[in-house]
Amino acid sequence: MMAYPFDDARILLALQIDHSRVAGYFAAHWGNKDFETPQPYSSVVLAAGEHDIGWWEWEMKPSTLNDQGLLMDYHDGSRIGSWSERK
């Protein structure tokens, strides 16, 4: 899940699985006179569209790493700072 402070009272959330779907749409429509179509086309589009599907279960019931509510960094599972530290 990608989270970003919108304002003092709200957070914007985008699921990793939604992000991968968008990547798949981009891959499916990539290619023009300046950029070649991905090859092999169907494999690249499928890989782009499914690359974060493993996050499904966690995103349906997100958790934090500790009782302080710090968020999990999807790269390595480490803690990232609180919202006040990120602004």
PDB file of N, CA and C in Angstrom:
ATOM      1  N   MET A   1       0.845  -1.169   0.000  1.00  0.00           N
ATOM      2  CA  MET A   1       0.000   0.000   0.000  1.00  0.00           C
ATOM      3  C   MET A   1       0.890   1.231   0.000  1.00  0.00           C
ATOM      4  N   MET A   2       0.599   2.120  -0.895  1.00  0.00           N
ATOM      5  CA  MET A   2       1.326   3.382  -0.910  1.00  0.00           C
ATOM      6  C   MET A   2       0.465   4.403  -0.173  1.00  0.00           C
ATOM      7  N   ALA A   3       1.065   5.098   0.761  1.00  0.00           N
ATOM      8  CA  ALA A   3       0.339   6.075   1.572  1.00  0.00           C
ATOM      9  C   ALA A   3       1.063   7.402   1.501  1.00  0.00           C
ATOM     10  N   TYR A   4       0.273   8.466   1.408  1.00  0.00           N
ATOM     11  CA  TYR A   4       0.854   9.796   1.331  1.00  0.00           C
ATOM     12  C   TYR A   4      -0.028  10.765   2.109  1.00  0.00           C
ATOM     13  N   PRO A   5       0.566  11.571   2.997  1.00  0.00           N
ATOM     14  CA  PRO A   5      -0.247  12.547   3.729  1.00  0.00           C
ATOM     15  C   PRO A   5      -0.862  13.555   2.757  1.00  0.00           C
ATOM     16  N   PHE A   6      -2.179  13.647   2.739  1.00  0.00           N
ATOM     17  CA  PHE A   6      -2.888  14.584   1.873  1.00  0.00           C
ATOM     18  C   PHE A   6      -2.978  15.956   2.526  1.00  0.00           C
ATOM     19  N   ASP A   7      -3.390  15.954   3.780  1.00  0.00           N
ATOM     20  CA  ASP A   7      -3.423  17.175   4.582  1.00  0.00           C
ATOM     21  C   ASP A   7      -3.325  16.737   6.040  1.00  0.00           C
ATOM     22  N   ASP A   8      -3.607  17.629   6.969  1.00  0.00           N
ATOM     23  CA  ASP A   8      -3.443  17.295   8.387  1.00  0.00           C
ATOM     24  C   ASP A   8      -4.408  16.232   8.882  1.00  0.00           C
ATOM     25  N   ALA A   9      -5.495  15.991   8.146  1.00  0.00           N
ATOM     26  CA  ALA A   9      -6.493  15.048   8.623  1.00  0.00           C
ATOM     27  C   ALA A   9      -6.680  13.823   7.729  1.00  0.00           C
ATOM     28  N   ARG A  10      -6.085  13.829   6.534  1.00  0.00           N
ATOM     29  CA  ARG A  10      -6.348  12.725   5.598  1.00  0.00           C
ATOM     30  C   ARG A  10      -5.064  12.173   4.993  1.00  0.00           C
ATOM     31  N   ILE A  11      -5.152  10.891   4.631  1.00  0.00           N
ATOM     32  CA  ILE A  11      -4.056  10.192   3.980  1.00  0.00           C
ATOM     33  C   ILE A  11      -4.596   9.602   2.676  1.00  0.00           C
ATOM     34  N   LEU A  12      -3.849   9.752   1.607  1.00  0.00           N
ATOM     35  CA  LEU A  12      -4.195   9.097   0.345  1.00  0.00           C
ATOM     36  C   LEU A  12      -3.586   7.700   0.346  1.00  0.00           C
ATOM     37  N   LEU A  13      -4.380   6.705   0.006  1.00  0.00           N
ATOM     38  CA  LEU A  13      -3.916   5.330  -0.056  1.00  0.00           C
ATOM     39  C   LEU A  13      -4.114   4.774  -1.457  1.00  0.00           C
ATOM     40  N   ALA A  14      -3.126   4.099  -1.959  1.00  0.00           N
ATOM     41  CA  ALA A  14      -3.235   3.380  -3.230  1.00  0.00           C
ATOM     42  C   ALA A  14      -2.681   1.980  -2.999  1.00  0.00           C
ATOM     43  N   LEU A  15      -3.469   0.992  -3.326  1.00  0.00           N
ATOM     44  CA  LEU A  15      -3.025  -0.383  -3.135  1.00  0.00           C
ATOM     45  C   LEU A  15      -1.898  -0.725  -4.109  1.00  0.00           C
ATOM     46  N   GLN A  16      -0.946  -1.522  -3.648  1.00  0.00           N
ATOM     47  CA  GLN A  16       0.116  -1.988  -4.537  1.00  0.00           C
ATOM     48  C   GLN A  16      -0.478  -2.755  -5.715  1.00  0.00           C
ATOM     49  N   ILE A  17      -1.535  -3.515  -5.466  1.00  0.00           N
ATOM     50  CA  ILE A  17      -2.139  -4.289  -6.555  1.00  0.00           C
ATOM     51  C   ILE A  17      -2.788  -3.377  -7.588  1.00  0.00           C
ATOM     52  N   ASP A  18      -3.306  -2.232  -7.167  1.00  0.00           N
ATOM     53  CA  ASP A  18      -3.844  -1.270  -8.133  1.00  0.00           C
ATOM     54  C   ASP A  18      -2.712  -0.628  -8.928  1.00  0.00           C
ATOM     55  N   HIS A  19      -1.612  -0.351  -8.249  1.00  0.00           N
ATOM     56  CA  HIS A  19      -0.429   0.191  -8.916  1.00  0.00           C
ATOM     57  C   HIS A  19       0.051  -0.775 -10.006  1.00  0.00           C
ATOM     58  N   SER A  20       0.078  -2.061  -9.711  1.00  0.00           N
ATOM     59  CA  SER A  20       0.553  -3.010 -10.722  1.00  0.00           C
ATOM     60  C   SER A  20      -0.418  -3.096 -11.893  1.00  0.00           C
ATOM     61  N   ARG A  21      -1.706  -2.958 -11.632  1.00  0.00           N
ATOM     62  CA  ARG A  21      -2.683  -2.948 -12.737  1.00  0.00           C
ATOM     63  C   ARG A  21      -2.418  -1.757 -13.669  1.00  0.00           C
ATOM     64  N   VAL A  22      -2.163  -0.595 -13.094  1.00  0.00           N
ATOM     65  CA  VAL A  22      -1.862   0.585 -13.907  1.00  0.00           C
ATOM     66  C   VAL A  22      -0.592   0.348 -14.726  1.00  0.00           C
ATOM     67  N   ALA A  23       0.429  -0.258 -14.099  1.00  0.00           N
ATOM     68  CA  ALA A  23       1.651  -0.580 -14.833  1.00  0.00           C
ATOM     69  C   ALA A  23       1.344  -1.500 -16.009  1.00  0.00           C
ATOM     70  N   GLY A  24       0.440  -2.445 -15.811  1.00  0.00           N
ATOM     71  CA  GLY A  24       0.037  -3.334 -16.899  1.00  0.00           C
ATOM     72  C   GLY A  24      -0.659  -2.587 -18.022  1.00  0.00           C
ATOM     73  N   TYR A  25      -1.504  -1.633 -17.679  1.00  0.00           N
ATOM     74  CA  TYR A  25      -2.174  -0.811 -18.712  1.00  0.00           C
ATOM     75  C   TYR A  25      -1.148  -0.005 -19.503  1.00  0.00           C
ATOM     76  N   PHE A  26      -0.177   0.566 -18.795  1.00  0.00           N
ATOM     77  CA  PHE A  26       0.885   1.306 -19.488  1.00  0.00           C
ATOM     78  C   PHE A  26       1.638   0.381 -20.450  1.00  0.00           C
ATOM     79  N   ALA A  27       2.006  -0.792 -19.962  1.00  0.00           N
ATOM     80  CA  ALA A  27       2.754  -1.736 -20.798  1.00  0.00           C
ATOM     81  C   ALA A  27       1.944  -2.151 -22.029  1.00  0.00           C
ATOM     82  N   ALA A  28       0.639  -2.335 -21.836  1.00  0.00           N
ATOM     83  CA  ALA A  28      -0.222  -2.762 -22.944  1.00  0.00           C
ATOM     84  C   ALA A  28      -0.336  -1.699 -24.030  1.00  0.00           C
ATOM     85  N   HIS A  29      -0.152  -0.448 -23.650  1.00  0.00           N
ATOM     86  CA  HIS A  29      -0.313   0.652 -24.608  1.00  0.00           C
ATOM     87  C   HIS A  29       1.011   1.303 -24.995  1.00  0.00           C
ATOM     88  N   TRP A  30       2.116   0.717 -24.533  1.00  0.00           N
ATOM     89  CA  TRP A  30       3.432   1.258 -24.834  1.00  0.00           C
ATOM     90  C   TRP A  30       3.776   0.983 -26.290  1.00  0.00           C
ATOM     91  N   GLY A  31       4.446   1.896 -26.883  1.00  0.00           N
ATOM     92  CA  GLY A  31       4.916   1.714 -28.252  1.00  0.00           C
ATOM     93  C   GLY A  31       4.322   2.763 -29.181  1.00  0.00           C
ATOM     94  N   ASN A  32       5.201   3.419 -29.911  1.00  0.00           N
ATOM     95  CA  ASN A  32       4.814   4.408 -30.908  1.00  0.00           C
ATOM     96  C   ASN A  32       6.010   4.613 -31.828  1.00  0.00           C
ATOM     97  N   LYS A  33       6.051   5.701 -32.540  1.00  0.00           N
ATOM     98  CA  LYS A  33       7.169   5.923 -33.460  1.00  0.00           C
ATOM     99  C   LYS A  33       8.496   6.128 -32.731  1.00  0.00           C
ATOM    100  N   ASP A  34       8.439   6.513 -31.444  1.00  0.00           N
ATOM    101  CA  ASP A  34       9.659   6.760 -30.676  1.00  0.00           C
ATOM    102  C   ASP A  34      10.055   5.594 -29.762  1.00  0.00           C
ATOM    103  N   PHE A  35       9.089   4.772 -29.352  1.00  0.00           N
ATOM    104  CA  PHE A  35       9.336   3.676 -28.423  1.00  0.00           C
ATOM    105  C   PHE A  35       8.744   2.395 -28.977  1.00  0.00           C
ATOM    106  N   GLU A  36       9.554   1.342 -28.968  1.00  0.00           N
ATOM    107  CA  GLU A  36       9.079   0.055 -29.472  1.00  0.00           C
ATOM    108  C   GLU A  36       8.051  -0.558 -28.531  1.00  0.00           C
ATOM    109  N   THR A  37       7.191  -1.376 -29.075  1.00  0.00           N
ATOM    110  CA  THR A  37       6.254  -2.165 -28.285  1.00  0.00           C
ATOM    111  C   THR A  37       7.056  -3.188 -27.489  1.00  0.00           C
ATOM    112  N   PRO A  38       6.680  -3.440 -26.231  1.00  0.00           N
ATOM    113  CA  PRO A  38       7.414  -4.429 -25.434  1.00  0.00           C
ATOM    114  C   PRO A  38       7.438  -5.799 -26.124  1.00  0.00           C
ATOM    115  N   GLN A  39       8.553  -6.479 -26.000  1.00  0.00           N
ATOM    116  CA  GLN A  39       8.694  -7.823 -26.572  1.00  0.00           C
ATOM    117  C   GLN A  39       9.308  -8.743 -25.524  1.00  0.00           C
ATOM    118  N   PRO A  40       8.804  -9.916 -25.336  1.00  0.00           N
ATOM    119  CA  PRO A  40       7.591 -10.454 -25.933  1.00  0.00           C
ATOM    120  C   PRO A  40       6.367  -9.780 -25.311  1.00  0.00           C
ATOM    121  N   TYR A  41       5.511  -9.265 -26.130  1.00  0.00           N
ATOM    122  CA  TYR A  41       4.419  -8.384 -25.722  1.00  0.00           C
ATOM    123  C   TYR A  41       3.574  -8.960 -24.584  1.00  0.00           C
ATOM    124  N   SER A  42       2.968 -10.119 -24.788  1.00  0.00           N
ATOM    125  CA  SER A  42       2.040 -10.620 -23.770  1.00  0.00           C
ATOM    126  C   SER A  42       2.730 -10.948 -22.455  1.00  0.00           C
ATOM    127  N   SER A  43       3.960 -11.416 -22.499  1.00  0.00           N
ATOM    128  CA  SER A  43       4.682 -11.712 -21.259  1.00  0.00           C
ATOM    129  C   SER A  43       5.000 -10.439 -20.485  1.00  0.00           C
ATOM    130  N   VAL A  44       5.423  -9.397 -21.178  1.00  0.00           N
ATOM    131  CA  VAL A  44       5.755  -8.129 -20.523  1.00  0.00           C
ATOM    132  C   VAL A  44       4.501  -7.500 -19.923  1.00  0.00           C
ATOM    133  N   VAL A  45       3.407  -7.494 -20.677  1.00  0.00           N
ATOM    134  CA  VAL A  45       2.155  -6.911 -20.175  1.00  0.00           C
ATOM    135  C   VAL A  45       1.663  -7.682 -18.960  1.00  0.00           C
ATOM    136  N   LEU A  46       1.705  -9.014 -19.026  1.00  0.00           N
ATOM    137  CA  LEU A  46       1.283  -9.826 -17.888  1.00  0.00           C
ATOM    138  C   LEU A  46       2.174  -9.571 -16.675  1.00  0.00           C
ATOM    139  N   ALA A  47       3.481  -9.552 -16.872  1.00  0.00           N
ATOM    140  CA  ALA A  47       4.407  -9.317 -15.760  1.00  0.00           C
ATOM    141  C   ALA A  47       4.181  -7.940 -15.128  1.00  0.00           C
ATOM    142  N   ALA A  48       4.000  -6.927 -15.949  1.00  0.00           N
ATOM    143  CA  ALA A  48       3.764  -5.577 -15.417  1.00  0.00           C
ATOM    144  C   ALA A  48       2.456  -5.533 -14.632  1.00  0.00           C
ATOM    145  N   GLY A  49       1.429  -6.168 -15.155  1.00  0.00           N
ATOM    146  CA  GLY A  49       0.121  -6.126 -14.508  1.00  0.00           C
ATOM    147  C   GLY A  49       0.006  -6.965 -13.248  1.00  0.00           C
ATOM    148  N   GLU A  50       0.887  -7.927 -13.071  1.00  0.00           N
ATOM    149  CA  GLU A  50       0.800  -8.835 -11.926  1.00  0.00           C
ATOM    150  C   GLU A  50       1.966  -8.698 -10.951  1.00  0.00           C
ATOM    151  N   HIS A  51       2.875  -7.762 -11.177  1.00  0.00           N
ATOM    152  CA  HIS A  51       4.112  -7.755 -10.399  1.00  0.00           C
ATOM    153  C   HIS A  51       3.928  -7.512  -8.904  1.00  0.00           C
ATOM    154  N   ASP A  52       2.823  -6.960  -8.463  1.00  0.00           N
ATOM    155  CA  ASP A  52       2.598  -6.738  -7.029  1.00  0.00           C
ATOM    156  C   ASP A  52       1.439  -7.565  -6.482  1.00  0.00           C
ATOM    157  N   ILE A  53       1.006  -8.580  -7.201  1.00  0.00           N
ATOM    158  CA  ILE A  53      -0.156  -9.367  -6.780  1.00  0.00           C
ATOM    159  C   ILE A  53       0.061 -10.047  -5.424  1.00  0.00           C
ATOM    160  N   GLY A  54       1.307 -10.262  -5.047  1.00  0.00           N
ATOM    161  CA  GLY A  54       1.609 -10.884  -3.762  1.00  0.00           C
ATOM    162  C   GLY A  54       1.221 -10.051  -2.552  1.00  0.00           C
ATOM    163  N   TRP A  55       0.924  -8.785  -2.768  1.00  0.00           N
ATOM    164  CA  TRP A  55       0.518  -7.903  -1.669  1.00  0.00           C
ATOM    165  C   TRP A  55      -0.965  -8.007  -1.339  1.00  0.00           C
ATOM    166  N   TRP A  56      -1.734  -8.747  -2.115  1.00  0.00           N
ATOM    167  CA  TRP A  56      -3.191  -8.803  -1.957  1.00  0.00           C
ATOM    168  C   TRP A  56      -3.605  -9.103  -0.521  1.00  0.00           C
ATOM    169  N   GLU A  57      -3.107 -10.204   0.033  1.00  0.00           N
ATOM    170  CA  GLU A  57      -3.546 -10.622   1.361  1.00  0.00           C
ATOM    171  C   GLU A  57      -3.211  -9.571   2.419  1.00  0.00           C
ATOM    172  N   TRP A  58      -1.991  -9.033   2.407  1.00  0.00           N
ATOM    173  CA  TRP A  58      -1.621  -8.019   3.391  1.00  0.00           C
ATOM    174  C   TRP A  58      -2.466  -6.768   3.245  1.00  0.00           C
ATOM    175  N   GLU A  59      -2.738  -6.361   2.006  1.00  0.00           N
ATOM    176  CA  GLU A  59      -3.495  -5.124   1.803  1.00  0.00           C
ATOM    177  C   GLU A  59      -4.957  -5.240   2.232  1.00  0.00           C
ATOM    178  N   MET A  60      -5.490  -6.437   2.258  1.00  0.00           N
ATOM    179  CA  MET A  60      -6.861  -6.622   2.731  1.00  0.00           C
ATOM    180  C   MET A  60      -6.941  -6.532   4.244  1.00  0.00           C
ATOM    181  N   LYS A  61      -5.812  -6.747   4.926  1.00  0.00           N
ATOM    182  CA  LYS A  61      -5.746  -6.613   6.384  1.00  0.00           C
ATOM    183  C   LYS A  61      -4.357  -6.100   6.746  1.00  0.00           C
ATOM    184  N   PRO A  62      -4.091  -4.796   6.479  1.00  0.00           N
ATOM    185  CA  PRO A  62      -2.748  -4.255   6.717  1.00  0.00           C
ATOM    186  C   PRO A  62      -2.365  -4.266   8.190  1.00  0.00           C
ATOM    187  N   SER A  63      -1.084  -4.388   8.407  1.00  0.00           N
ATOM    188  CA  SER A  63      -0.565  -4.384   9.765  1.00  0.00           C
ATOM    189  C   SER A  63       0.658  -3.465   9.818  1.00  0.00           C
ATOM    190  N   THR A  64       1.072  -3.175  11.020  1.00  0.00           N
ATOM    191  CA  THR A  64       2.289  -2.394  11.235  1.00  0.00           C
ATOM    192  C   THR A  64       3.319  -3.313  11.875  1.00  0.00           C
ATOM    193  N   LEU A  65       4.510  -2.813  12.058  1.00  0.00           N
ATOM    194  CA  LEU A  65       5.575  -3.645  12.618  1.00  0.00           C
ATOM    195  C   LEU A  65       5.606  -3.672  14.136  1.00  0.00           C
ATOM    196  N   ASN A  66       4.948  -2.722  14.745  1.00  0.00           N
ATOM    197  CA  ASN A  66       5.008  -2.692  16.205  1.00  0.00           C
ATOM    198  C   ASN A  66       3.804  -1.946  16.767  1.00  0.00           C
ATOM    199  N   ASP A  67       3.727  -1.868  18.074  1.00  0.00           N
ATOM    200  CA  ASP A  67       2.591  -1.217  18.721  1.00  0.00           C
ATOM    201  C   ASP A  67       2.634   0.301  18.611  1.00  0.00           C
ATOM    202  N   GLN A  68       3.719   0.863  18.037  1.00  0.00           N
ATOM    203  CA  GLN A  68       3.788   2.307  17.830  1.00  0.00           C
ATOM    204  C   GLN A  68       3.096   2.712  16.535  1.00  0.00           C
ATOM    205  N   GLY A  69       2.685   1.754  15.741  1.00  0.00           N
ATOM    206  CA  GLY A  69       1.964   2.055  14.516  1.00  0.00           C
ATOM    207  C   GLY A  69       2.829   2.519  13.366  1.00  0.00           C
ATOM    208  N   LEU A  70       4.137   2.264  13.433  1.00  0.00           N
ATOM    209  CA  LEU A  70       4.992   2.659  12.331  1.00  0.00           C
ATOM    210  C   LEU A  70       4.726   1.766  11.126  1.00  0.00           C
ATOM    211  N   LEU A  71       4.813   2.348   9.954  1.00  0.00           N
ATOM    212  CA  LEU A  71       4.485   1.635   8.731  1.00  0.00           C
ATOM    213  C   LEU A  71       5.620   0.730   8.278  1.00  0.00           C
ATOM    214  N   MET A  72       5.258  -0.297   7.516  1.00  0.00           N
ATOM    215  CA  MET A  72       6.244  -1.215   6.978  1.00  0.00           C
ATOM    216  C   MET A  72       6.709  -0.699   5.620  1.00  0.00           C
ATOM    217  N   ASP A  73       8.005  -0.711   5.388  1.00  0.00           N
ATOM    218  CA  ASP A  73       8.565  -0.348   4.096  1.00  0.00           C
ATOM    219  C   ASP A  73       8.530  -1.593   3.223  1.00  0.00           C
ATOM    220  N   TYR A  74       7.893  -1.505   2.073  1.00  0.00           N
ATOM    221  CA  TYR A  74       7.731  -2.691   1.240  1.00  0.00           C
ATOM    222  C   TYR A  74       9.036  -3.198   0.645  1.00  0.00           C
ATOM    223  N   HIS A  75      10.092  -2.410   0.673  1.00  0.00           N
ATOM    224  CA  HIS A  75      11.368  -2.867   0.124  1.00  0.00           C
ATOM    225  C   HIS A  75      12.026  -3.926   1.004  1.00  0.00           C
ATOM    226  N   ASP A  76      12.073  -3.661   2.292  1.00  0.00           N
ATOM    227  CA  ASP A  76      12.821  -4.588   3.145  1.00  0.00           C
ATOM    228  C   ASP A  76      12.147  -4.886   4.480  1.00  0.00           C
ATOM    229  N   GLY A  77      10.926  -4.425   4.678  1.00  0.00           N
ATOM    230  CA  GLY A  77      10.223  -4.700   5.911  1.00  0.00           C
ATOM    231  C   GLY A  77      10.651  -3.843   7.087  1.00  0.00           C
ATOM    232  N   SER A  78      11.516  -2.873   6.849  1.00  0.00           N
ATOM    233  CA  SER A  78      11.949  -2.017   7.947  1.00  0.00           C
ATOM    234  C   SER A  78      10.885  -0.973   8.253  1.00  0.00           C
ATOM    235  N   ARG A  79      11.043  -0.347   9.369  1.00  0.00           N
ATOM    236  CA  ARG A  79      10.100   0.711   9.743  1.00  0.00           C
ATOM    237  C   ARG A  79      10.445   1.998   9.024  1.00  0.00           C
ATOM    238  N   ILE A  80       9.423   2.716   8.635  1.00  0.00           N
ATOM    239  CA  ILE A  80       9.630   4.083   8.147  1.00  0.00           C
ATOM    240  C   ILE A  80       8.976   5.011   9.153  1.00  0.00           C
ATOM    241  N   GLY A  81       9.398   6.242   9.176  1.00  0.00           N
ATOM    242  CA  GLY A  81       8.983   7.195  10.195  1.00  0.00           C
ATOM    243  C   GLY A  81       7.498   7.446  10.264  1.00  0.00           C
ATOM    244  N   SER A  82       7.090   8.105  11.312  1.00  0.00           N
ATOM    245  CA  SER A  82       5.693   8.472  11.488  1.00  0.00           C
ATOM    246  C   SER A  82       5.324   9.546  10.472  1.00  0.00           C
ATOM    247  N   TRP A  83       4.034   9.818  10.366  1.00  0.00           N
ATOM    248  CA  TRP A  83       3.574  10.831   9.393  1.00  0.00           C
ATOM    249  C   TRP A  83       4.183  12.186   9.674  1.00  0.00           C
ATOM    250  N   SER A  84       4.334  12.538  10.956  1.00  0.00           N
ATOM    251  CA  SER A  84       4.894  13.855  11.268  1.00  0.00           C
ATOM    252  C   SER A  84       6.355  13.952  10.817  1.00  0.00           C
ATOM    253  N   GLU A  85       7.075  12.836  10.819  1.00  0.00           N
ATOM    254  CA  GLU A  85       8.470  12.847  10.372  1.00  0.00           C
ATOM    255  C   GLU A  85       8.584  12.918   8.846  1.00  0.00           C
ATOM    256  N   ARG A  86       7.527  12.530   8.129  1.00  0.00           N
ATOM    257  CA  ARG A  86       7.589  12.456   6.669  1.00  0.00           C
ATOM    258  C   ARG A  86       7.234  13.752   5.991  1.00  0.00           C
ATOM    259  N   LYS A  87       6.595  14.673   6.672  1.00  0.00           N
ATOM    260  CA  LYS A  87       6.155  15.901   6.034  1.00  0.00           C
ATOM    261  C   LYS A  87       7.298  16.843   5.784  1.00  0.00           C
TER     262      LYS A  87
END
